[in-house]
Amino acid sequence: MHISNEEIIMGTDDKREMTNALDQAFPGIKRKLCCRHLKENIIRQTTNIIPKSTKELNDIVNLIFGKGGIALADDSAIFDGKNSGFKDSLITNGHADFLNYYDKHVEAKLLYHVITKFDKMRTNDNTESMNNRLKGLL
């Protein structure tokens, strides 16, 4: 049985080196971040916009990943509704800088997460050990 690279979905972190290595080794595969990495990336990349210790950042992360959050939308229509409300709340609460980051780096990944229905809130499981093994080859 032959499986084409286009049929493969591989969970990874979002490091440039890993992305480049996978693109070279498996051209055309689909990459997906686990929710843990998505959440960590948001927190790490936005601490200069919203301090990590603030309730605001926790509230934003919960709106994305918490119960009923954007990442748990059942389909793209529900995602669109939740996403629109989320973006409106960012503007209302004075977080235009975070909205810019979200638009550029997060929104498409979340939508892909919802559309593929690949283990809704899949976390790190085997991804980390694969990442570590592949990084050791770089």
C-alpha atoms as a PDB file:
ATOM      1  CA  MET A   1       0.000   0.000   0.000  1.00  0.00           C
ATOM      2  CA  HIS A   2       1.371   3.397  -0.982  1.00  0.00           C
ATOM      3  CA  ILE A   3       0.536   6.544   0.957  1.00  0.00           C
ATOM      4  CA  SER A   4       1.332   9.871  -0.651  1.00  0.00           C
ATOM      5  CA  ASN A   5       2.855  12.665   1.395  1.00  0.00           C
ATOM      6  CA  GLU A   6      -0.295  14.737   0.805  1.00  0.00           C
ATOM      7  CA  GLU A   7      -2.227  12.199   2.905  1.00  0.00           C
ATOM      8  CA  ILE A   8       0.107  12.525   5.887  1.00  0.00           C
ATOM      9  CA  ILE A   9      -0.651  14.863   8.786  1.00  0.00           C
ATOM     10  CA  MET A  10       2.288  15.217  11.147  1.00  0.00           C
ATOM     11  CA  GLY A  11       2.118  16.910  14.522  1.00  0.00           C
ATOM     12  CA  THR A  12       5.133  19.058  15.365  1.00  0.00           C
ATOM     13  CA  ASP A  13       6.183  22.171  17.153  1.00  0.00           C
ATOM     14  CA  ASP A  14       6.380  25.306  15.023  1.00  0.00           C
ATOM     15  CA  LYS A  15      10.147  25.734  14.973  1.00  0.00           C
ATOM     16  CA  ARG A  16      11.549  26.872  11.645  1.00  0.00           C
ATOM     17  CA  GLU A  17      14.218  24.163  11.647  1.00  0.00           C
ATOM     18  CA  MET A  18      11.637  21.415  12.116  1.00  0.00           C
ATOM     19  CA  THR A  19       9.366  22.879   9.464  1.00  0.00           C
ATOM     20  CA  ASN A  20      12.244  23.082   6.978  1.00  0.00           C
ATOM     21  CA  ALA A  21      13.404  19.537   7.753  1.00  0.00           C
ATOM     22  CA  LEU A  22       9.919  18.106   7.275  1.00  0.00           C
ATOM     23  CA  ASP A  23       9.422  20.033   4.041  1.00  0.00           C
ATOM     24  CA  GLN A  24      12.665  18.553   2.709  1.00  0.00           C
ATOM     25  CA  ALA A  25      12.070  15.004   3.927  1.00  0.00           C
ATOM     26  CA  PHE A  26       8.325  14.822   3.234  1.00  0.00           C
ATOM     27  CA  PRO A  27       7.335  17.402   0.597  1.00  0.00           C
ATOM     28  CA  GLY A  28       3.621  18.118   0.611  1.00  0.00           C
ATOM     29  CA  ILE A  29       2.742  16.756   4.062  1.00  0.00           C
ATOM     30  CA  LYS A  30       0.305  18.619   6.245  1.00  0.00           C
ATOM     31  CA  ARG A  31       1.719  19.853   9.534  1.00  0.00           C
ATOM     32  CA  LYS A  32      -0.345  20.416  12.597  1.00  0.00           C
ATOM     33  CA  LEU A  33       0.575  21.870  15.945  1.00  0.00           C
ATOM     34  CA  CYS A  34      -0.750  20.267  19.061  1.00  0.00           C
ATOM     35  CA  CYS A  35      -2.837  22.552  21.248  1.00  0.00           C
ATOM     36  CA  ARG A  36      -0.105  22.654  23.852  1.00  0.00           C
ATOM     37  CA  HIS A  37       2.357  24.098  21.349  1.00  0.00           C
ATOM     38  CA  LEU A  38      -0.198  26.551  19.968  1.00  0.00           C
ATOM     39  CA  LYS A  39      -0.910  27.778  23.494  1.00  0.00           C
ATOM     40  CA  GLU A  40       2.770  27.973  24.469  1.00  0.00           C
ATOM     41  CA  ASN A  41       3.605  29.859  21.280  1.00  0.00           C
ATOM     42  CA  ILE A  42       0.868  32.403  21.961  1.00  0.00           C
ATOM     43  CA  ILE A  43       2.073  32.975  25.516  1.00  0.00           C
ATOM     44  CA  ARG A  44       5.752  33.115  24.555  1.00  0.00           C
ATOM     45  CA  GLN A  45       5.315  35.359  21.531  1.00  0.00           C
ATOM     46  CA  THR A  46       2.929  37.830  23.134  1.00  0.00           C
ATOM     47  CA  THR A  47       4.489  38.518  26.525  1.00  0.00           C
ATOM     48  CA  ASN A  48       5.858  41.794  25.159  1.00  0.00           C
ATOM     49  CA  ILE A  49       2.300  42.736  24.140  1.00  0.00           C
ATOM     50  CA  ILE A  50       0.409  41.437  27.179  1.00  0.00           C
ATOM     51  CA  PRO A  51       2.475  40.512  30.255  1.00  0.00           C
ATOM     52  CA  LYS A  52       2.367  36.756  30.954  1.00  0.00           C
ATOM     53  CA  SER A  53       1.232  37.206  34.535  1.00  0.00           C
ATOM     54  CA  THR A  54      -1.828  39.254  33.695  1.00  0.00           C
ATOM     55  CA  LYS A  55      -5.374  38.024  33.939  1.00  0.00           C
ATOM     56  CA  GLU A  56      -5.927  39.433  30.449  1.00  0.00           C
ATOM     57  CA  LEU A  57      -3.527  36.986  28.825  1.00  0.00           C
ATOM     58  CA  ASN A  58      -5.081  34.087  30.742  1.00  0.00           C
ATOM     59  CA  ASP A  59      -8.539  35.216  29.622  1.00  0.00           C
ATOM     60  CA  ILE A  60      -7.399  35.406  25.989  1.00  0.00           C
ATOM     61  CA  VAL A  61      -5.841  31.934  26.149  1.00  0.00           C
ATOM     62  CA  ASN A  62      -9.041  30.555  27.713  1.00  0.00           C
ATOM     63  CA  LEU A  63     -11.182  32.116  24.981  1.00  0.00           C
ATOM     64  CA  ILE A  64      -9.075  30.234  22.463  1.00  0.00           C
ATOM     65  CA  PHE A  65      -8.420  26.905  24.238  1.00  0.00           C
ATOM     66  CA  GLY A  66     -10.802  26.774  27.198  1.00  0.00           C
ATOM     67  CA  LYS A  67     -14.171  25.061  27.406  1.00  0.00           C
ATOM     68  CA  GLY A  68     -16.212  26.386  24.491  1.00  0.00           C
ATOM     69  CA  GLY A  69     -13.140  28.107  23.044  1.00  0.00           C
ATOM     70  CA  ILE A  70     -12.356  28.734  19.395  1.00  0.00           C
ATOM     71  CA  ALA A  71     -10.121  25.640  19.145  1.00  0.00           C
ATOM     72  CA  LEU A  72     -13.074  23.438  20.115  1.00  0.00           C
ATOM     73  CA  ALA A  73     -15.411  24.676  17.384  1.00  0.00           C
ATOM     74  CA  ASP A  74     -17.194  21.776  15.684  1.00  0.00           C
ATOM     75  CA  ASP A  75     -16.878  23.184  12.183  1.00  0.00           C
ATOM     76  CA  SER A  76     -15.736  26.210  10.217  1.00  0.00           C
ATOM     77  CA  ALA A  77     -19.078  28.045  10.578  1.00  0.00           C
ATOM     78  CA  ILE A  78     -18.941  27.827  14.378  1.00  0.00           C
ATOM     79  CA  PHE A  79     -15.258  28.748  14.230  1.00  0.00           C
ATOM     80  CA  ASP A  80     -16.104  31.853  12.184  1.00  0.00           C
ATOM     81  CA  GLY A  81     -18.704  32.991  14.720  1.00  0.00           C
ATOM     82  CA  LYS A  82     -16.473  32.423  17.741  1.00  0.00           C
ATOM     83  CA  ASN A  83     -13.478  33.901  15.954  1.00  0.00           C
ATOM     84  CA  SER A  84     -15.369  37.036  14.960  1.00  0.00           C
ATOM     85  CA  GLY A  85     -16.568  37.595  18.529  1.00  0.00           C
ATOM     86  CA  PHE A  86     -13.063  36.985  19.857  1.00  0.00           C
ATOM     87  CA  LYS A  87     -11.524  39.507  17.472  1.00  0.00           C
ATOM     88  CA  ASP A  88     -14.192  42.082  18.331  1.00  0.00           C
ATOM     89  CA  SER A  89     -13.420  41.606  22.038  1.00  0.00           C
ATOM     90  CA  LEU A  90      -9.704  42.144  21.387  1.00  0.00           C
ATOM     91  CA  ILE A  91     -10.450  45.466  19.701  1.00  0.00           C
ATOM     92  CA  THR A  92     -12.922  46.492  22.409  1.00  0.00           C
ATOM     93  CA  ASN A  93     -10.392  45.699  25.143  1.00  0.00           C
ATOM     94  CA  GLY A  94      -7.541  47.593  23.482  1.00  0.00           C
ATOM     95  CA  HIS A  95      -5.506  44.625  22.275  1.00  0.00           C
ATOM     96  CA  ALA A  96      -4.956  45.608  18.641  1.00  0.00           C
ATOM     97  CA  ASP A  97      -1.300  44.509  18.891  1.00  0.00           C
ATOM     98  CA  PHE A  98      -2.343  41.027  19.958  1.00  0.00           C
ATOM     99  CA  LEU A  99      -4.958  40.985  17.193  1.00  0.00           C
ATOM    100  CA  ASN A 100      -2.214  41.672  14.646  1.00  0.00           C
ATOM    101  CA  TYR A 101      -0.187  38.746  16.025  1.00  0.00           C
ATOM    102  CA  TYR A 102      -3.283  36.528  16.066  1.00  0.00           C
ATOM    103  CA  ASP A 103      -4.168  37.403  12.460  1.00  0.00           C
ATOM    104  CA  LYS A 104      -0.636  36.703  11.211  1.00  0.00           C
ATOM    105  CA  HIS A 105       0.366  33.665  13.256  1.00  0.00           C
ATOM    106  CA  VAL A 106      -2.554  31.935  14.954  1.00  0.00           C
ATOM    107  CA  GLU A 107      -5.899  32.234  13.183  1.00  0.00           C
ATOM    108  CA  ALA A 108      -5.116  30.045  10.147  1.00  0.00           C
ATOM    109  CA  LYS A 109      -3.556  27.349  12.361  1.00  0.00           C
ATOM    110  CA  LEU A 110      -6.634  27.279  14.577  1.00  0.00           C
ATOM    111  CA  LEU A 111      -8.955  27.077  11.579  1.00  0.00           C
ATOM    112  CA  TYR A 112      -6.906  24.226  10.130  1.00  0.00           C
ATOM    113  CA  HIS A 113      -7.065  22.531  13.529  1.00  0.00           C
ATOM    114  CA  VAL A 114     -10.878  22.767  13.477  1.00  0.00           C
ATOM    115  CA  ILE A 115     -11.320  21.753   9.827  1.00  0.00           C
ATOM    116  CA  THR A 116      -9.109  18.666  10.002  1.00  0.00           C
ATOM    117  CA  LYS A 117     -10.802  17.395  13.169  1.00  0.00           C
ATOM    118  CA  PHE A 118      -7.507  15.720  13.975  1.00  0.00           C
ATOM    119  CA  ASP A 119      -7.962  14.803  17.646  1.00  0.00           C
ATOM    120  CA  LYS A 120      -9.701  18.000  18.725  1.00  0.00           C
ATOM    121  CA  MET A 121      -7.537  18.968  21.679  1.00  0.00           C
ATOM    122  CA  ARG A 122      -4.622  16.676  20.933  1.00  0.00           C
ATOM    123  CA  THR A 123      -1.702  17.507  23.096  1.00  0.00           C
ATOM    124  CA  ASN A 124       1.908  16.577  22.994  1.00  0.00           C
ATOM    125  CA  ASP A 125       1.810  12.743  23.142  1.00  0.00           C
ATOM    126  CA  ASN A 126       4.311  11.409  20.586  1.00  0.00           C
ATOM    127  CA  THR A 127       5.045  14.746  18.971  1.00  0.00           C
ATOM    128  CA  GLU A 128       7.756  15.725  21.421  1.00  0.00           C
ATOM    129  CA  SER A 129       9.703  12.493  21.129  1.00  0.00           C
ATOM    130  CA  MET A 130       9.535  12.706  17.327  1.00  0.00           C
ATOM    131  CA  ASN A 131      10.695  16.327  17.463  1.00  0.00           C
ATOM    132  CA  ASN A 132      13.622  15.437  19.698  1.00  0.00           C
ATOM    133  CA  ARG A 133      14.699  12.559  17.461  1.00  0.00           C
ATOM    134  CA  LEU A 134      14.444  14.643  14.289  1.00  0.00           C
ATOM    135  CA  LYS A 135      16.237  17.590  15.894  1.00  0.00           C
ATOM    136  CA  GLY A 136      19.059  15.233  16.796  1.00  0.00           C
ATOM    137  CA  LEU A 137      19.524  14.552  13.094  1.00  0.00           C
ATOM    138  CA  LEU A 138      19.831  18.236  12.162  1.00  0.00           C
END
